N, C-alpha and C. Protein backbone atom coordinates (compact mmCIF):
# COMPACT_ATOMS: atom_id res chain seq x y z
N MET A 1 -27.69 -13.02 66.07
CA MET A 1 -27.25 -11.84 66.52
C MET A 1 -26.91 -11.38 68.05
N TYR A 2 -27.50 -12.14 68.63
CA TYR A 2 -27.71 -12.38 70.28
C TYR A 2 -26.47 -12.70 70.48
N ASP A 3 -25.77 -13.80 69.74
CA ASP A 3 -24.30 -14.42 70.04
C ASP A 3 -23.48 -13.63 69.79
N ALA A 4 -23.35 -12.82 68.73
CA ALA A 4 -22.48 -11.79 68.31
C ALA A 4 -22.47 -10.60 69.18
N ARG A 5 -23.68 -10.27 69.88
CA ARG A 5 -23.53 -9.26 70.90
C ARG A 5 -22.81 -9.68 71.99
N GLU A 6 -23.14 -10.94 72.42
CA GLU A 6 -23.16 -11.69 73.64
C GLU A 6 -21.03 -11.92 73.53
N LYS A 7 -20.69 -12.27 72.39
CA LYS A 7 -19.36 -12.07 72.25
C LYS A 7 -18.16 -11.07 71.99
N SER A 8 -19.18 -10.07 71.90
CA SER A 8 -18.40 -8.63 71.43
C SER A 8 -18.37 -8.14 73.19
N ILE A 9 -19.31 -8.31 73.77
CA ILE A 9 -19.24 -8.13 75.14
C ILE A 9 -18.28 -8.65 75.92
N ARG A 10 -18.13 -9.93 75.51
CA ARG A 10 -17.17 -10.75 76.40
C ARG A 10 -15.72 -10.57 75.83
N ASP A 11 -15.55 -10.12 74.69
CA ASP A 11 -14.48 -9.85 74.21
C ASP A 11 -13.64 -8.39 74.89
N HIS A 12 -14.58 -7.63 74.83
CA HIS A 12 -14.40 -6.35 75.31
C HIS A 12 -14.07 -6.19 76.98
N GLN A 13 -14.95 -7.35 77.69
CA GLN A 13 -14.46 -7.68 79.01
C GLN A 13 -13.14 -8.44 79.29
N TRP A 14 -12.87 -9.20 78.31
CA TRP A 14 -11.36 -10.03 78.31
C TRP A 14 -10.47 -8.49 78.08
N ALA A 15 -10.59 -7.89 76.99
CA ALA A 15 -9.66 -6.67 76.92
C ALA A 15 -9.29 -5.81 78.06
N LEU A 16 -10.42 -5.70 78.67
CA LEU A 16 -10.51 -4.80 79.67
C LEU A 16 -9.36 -5.39 81.03
N HIS A 17 -9.82 -6.71 81.26
CA HIS A 17 -8.98 -7.66 82.31
C HIS A 17 -7.54 -7.43 81.74
N ALA A 18 -7.10 -7.77 80.56
CA ALA A 18 -5.76 -7.90 79.94
C ALA A 18 -5.17 -6.46 80.26
N ALA A 19 -5.66 -5.38 79.95
CA ALA A 19 -5.17 -4.13 79.80
C ALA A 19 -5.00 -3.76 81.58
N HIS A 20 -5.89 -4.24 82.57
CA HIS A 20 -5.79 -3.99 84.17
C HIS A 20 -4.45 -5.00 84.36
N LYS A 21 -4.76 -6.28 84.05
CA LYS A 21 -3.26 -7.00 84.63
C LYS A 21 -2.04 -6.43 84.10
N GLU A 22 -1.95 -6.04 82.69
CA GLU A 22 -0.71 -5.44 82.36
C GLU A 22 -0.46 -4.22 83.07
N GLY A 23 -1.20 -3.23 83.21
CA GLY A 23 -0.85 -2.41 84.10
C GLY A 23 -0.58 -2.59 85.70
N GLU A 24 -0.92 -3.58 85.92
CA GLU A 24 -0.29 -3.99 87.55
C GLU A 24 1.01 -4.65 87.26
N ILE A 25 1.34 -5.30 86.30
CA ILE A 25 2.83 -5.96 85.80
C ILE A 25 3.66 -4.62 85.93
N ARG A 26 3.31 -3.52 84.78
CA ARG A 26 4.16 -2.55 84.61
C ARG A 26 4.21 -1.77 86.03
N SER A 27 3.37 -1.58 86.83
CA SER A 27 3.50 -1.04 88.12
C SER A 27 4.71 -1.91 88.97
N GLU A 28 4.51 -3.09 89.16
CA GLU A 28 5.64 -3.79 90.00
C GLU A 28 6.70 -3.53 89.50
N ILE A 29 6.94 -3.81 87.88
CA ILE A 29 8.25 -3.53 87.63
C ILE A 29 8.65 -2.00 87.98
N ARG A 30 8.03 -0.82 88.03
CA ARG A 30 8.41 0.33 88.11
C ARG A 30 8.66 0.32 89.76
N GLY A 31 8.08 -0.49 90.67
CA GLY A 31 8.26 -0.28 91.91
C GLY A 31 9.60 -1.17 91.90
N GLU A 32 9.81 -2.31 91.40
CA GLU A 32 10.94 -3.14 91.61
C GLU A 32 12.50 -2.32 90.84
N ILE A 33 12.48 -1.46 89.91
CA ILE A 33 13.48 -0.75 89.48
C ILE A 33 13.75 0.43 90.50
N LYS A 34 12.81 0.98 91.25
CA LYS A 34 13.01 2.03 92.19
C LYS A 34 13.83 1.34 93.61
N LEU A 35 13.11 0.24 93.82
CA LEU A 35 14.37 -0.77 94.90
C LEU A 35 15.29 -0.66 94.80
N ILE A 36 15.35 -1.29 93.49
CA ILE A 36 16.97 -1.69 92.81
C ILE A 36 17.68 -0.69 93.08
N LEU A 37 17.43 0.62 92.54
CA LEU A 37 18.29 1.47 92.43
C LEU A 37 18.68 2.18 93.76
N THR A 38 17.64 2.00 94.60
CA THR A 38 17.68 2.52 96.08
C THR A 38 18.68 1.66 96.53
N LEU A 39 18.58 0.31 96.65
CA LEU A 39 19.51 -0.28 97.15
C LEU A 39 20.72 -0.51 96.81
N GLU A 40 21.12 -0.24 95.15
CA GLU A 40 22.32 -0.10 94.93
C GLU A 40 23.00 1.40 95.66
N GLY A 41 22.20 2.50 95.66
CA GLY A 41 22.79 3.79 96.37
C GLY A 41 23.28 3.56 97.78
N ILE A 42 22.34 2.81 98.41
CA ILE A 42 22.42 2.56 99.88
C ILE A 42 24.16 1.41 100.11
N LEU A 43 24.14 0.66 98.86
CA LEU A 43 25.32 -0.14 98.98
C LEU A 43 26.78 0.53 98.72
N GLY A 44 26.40 1.73 97.79
CA GLY A 44 27.65 2.67 96.99
C GLY A 44 27.95 1.73 96.21
N GLN A 45 27.11 1.21 95.16
CA GLN A 45 27.46 0.53 93.95
C GLN A 45 27.08 1.57 92.87
N PRO A 46 27.44 1.28 91.59
CA PRO A 46 27.26 2.01 90.65
C PRO A 46 25.53 1.85 90.29
N LEU A 47 24.97 2.94 90.05
CA LEU A 47 23.31 2.48 89.64
C LEU A 47 23.28 1.85 88.05
N ASN A 48 22.55 1.07 88.40
CA ASN A 48 22.14 0.20 86.73
C ASN A 48 21.50 1.60 86.11
N ASN A 49 21.52 1.58 84.61
CA ASN A 49 20.60 2.06 83.73
C ASN A 49 19.16 2.00 83.98
N GLU A 50 18.43 2.70 84.11
CA GLU A 50 16.84 2.47 84.37
C GLU A 50 16.29 1.69 83.08
N ALA A 51 16.74 2.53 81.96
CA ALA A 51 16.34 2.10 80.70
C ALA A 51 16.65 0.37 80.47
N ASP A 52 17.93 0.21 80.87
CA ASP A 52 18.43 -1.26 80.49
C ASP A 52 17.53 -2.23 81.74
N LEU A 53 17.31 -1.90 82.99
CA LEU A 53 16.56 -2.38 83.96
C LEU A 53 14.80 -2.72 83.21
N GLN A 54 14.46 -1.56 82.66
CA GLN A 54 12.82 -1.91 82.17
C GLN A 54 12.86 -3.01 80.71
N LYS A 55 14.06 -3.29 80.50
CA LYS A 55 14.39 -4.42 79.17
C LYS A 55 13.92 -5.65 79.88
N GLN A 56 14.40 -5.70 81.43
CA GLN A 56 14.02 -7.07 81.88
C GLN A 56 12.62 -7.42 82.53
N ASN A 57 12.47 -8.62 82.62
CA ASN A 57 11.16 -9.04 83.03
C ASN A 57 11.16 -8.86 84.68
N LEU A 58 9.81 -9.03 84.98
CA LEU A 58 10.02 -9.05 86.62
C LEU A 58 10.49 -9.78 87.31
N GLU A 59 10.52 -11.31 86.89
CA GLU A 59 11.46 -12.21 87.74
C GLU A 59 12.77 -11.90 87.59
N GLU A 60 13.43 -11.32 86.61
CA GLU A 60 14.68 -11.07 86.77
C GLU A 60 14.90 -10.00 87.62
N LEU A 61 14.16 -9.04 87.59
CA LEU A 61 14.22 -7.64 88.59
C LEU A 61 13.93 -8.29 89.97
N GLN A 62 13.37 -9.33 90.21
CA GLN A 62 12.97 -9.81 91.68
C GLN A 62 14.30 -10.61 92.25
N LYS A 63 14.81 -11.22 91.31
CA LYS A 63 16.30 -11.64 91.63
C LYS A 63 17.21 -10.91 91.87
N LEU A 64 17.33 -9.87 91.15
CA LEU A 64 18.43 -8.95 91.37
C LEU A 64 18.02 -8.26 92.54
N THR A 65 16.66 -7.60 93.02
CA THR A 65 16.54 -7.36 94.33
C THR A 65 16.74 -8.13 95.34
N ALA A 66 16.53 -9.37 95.15
CA ALA A 66 16.83 -10.46 96.38
C ALA A 66 18.39 -10.53 96.53
N LEU A 67 19.33 -10.60 95.45
CA LEU A 67 20.46 -10.43 95.53
C LEU A 67 21.30 -9.09 96.21
N LEU A 68 20.58 -8.06 95.90
CA LEU A 68 21.05 -6.74 96.67
C LEU A 68 20.66 -6.42 97.93
N GLN A 69 19.26 -7.28 98.54
CA GLN A 69 19.08 -7.14 100.07
C GLN A 69 19.73 -7.92 100.81
N ASP A 70 20.19 -9.27 100.22
CA ASP A 70 21.39 -9.89 100.74
C ASP A 70 22.58 -9.30 101.06
N LYS A 71 22.86 -8.40 99.92
CA LYS A 71 24.29 -7.90 99.96
C LYS A 71 23.97 -6.84 101.60
N ALA A 72 22.99 -6.23 101.52
CA ALA A 72 22.96 -5.18 102.43
C ALA A 72 22.60 -5.65 103.61
N ARG A 73 22.08 -7.07 103.83
CA ARG A 73 21.67 -7.35 104.99
C ARG A 73 22.98 -7.84 105.60
N ASN A 74 24.00 -8.34 104.74
CA ASN A 74 25.12 -9.02 105.38
C ASN A 74 26.38 -8.15 105.51
N ARG A 75 26.11 -6.90 105.17
CA ARG A 75 26.97 -6.03 105.20
C ARG A 75 27.60 -5.71 106.82
N VAL A 76 28.65 -5.43 106.89
CA VAL A 76 29.32 -5.16 108.44
C VAL A 76 29.27 -3.73 108.45
């Protein structure tokens, strides 16, 4: 009985940790999307559809952000 209770507590803690981590990732994705749209606006480019951007993973969004930042830096 003690083992089952201990396992239940560990499972609950793991679920909370996973939910917290997922929330952090979603927050980073929202921030990256906002930055992409801002950079596109500054560069005078057509804005990506936000729903399409949300389908991409964080790494893909970060690559797009880096590309747009390079374009902004190299603008004359």
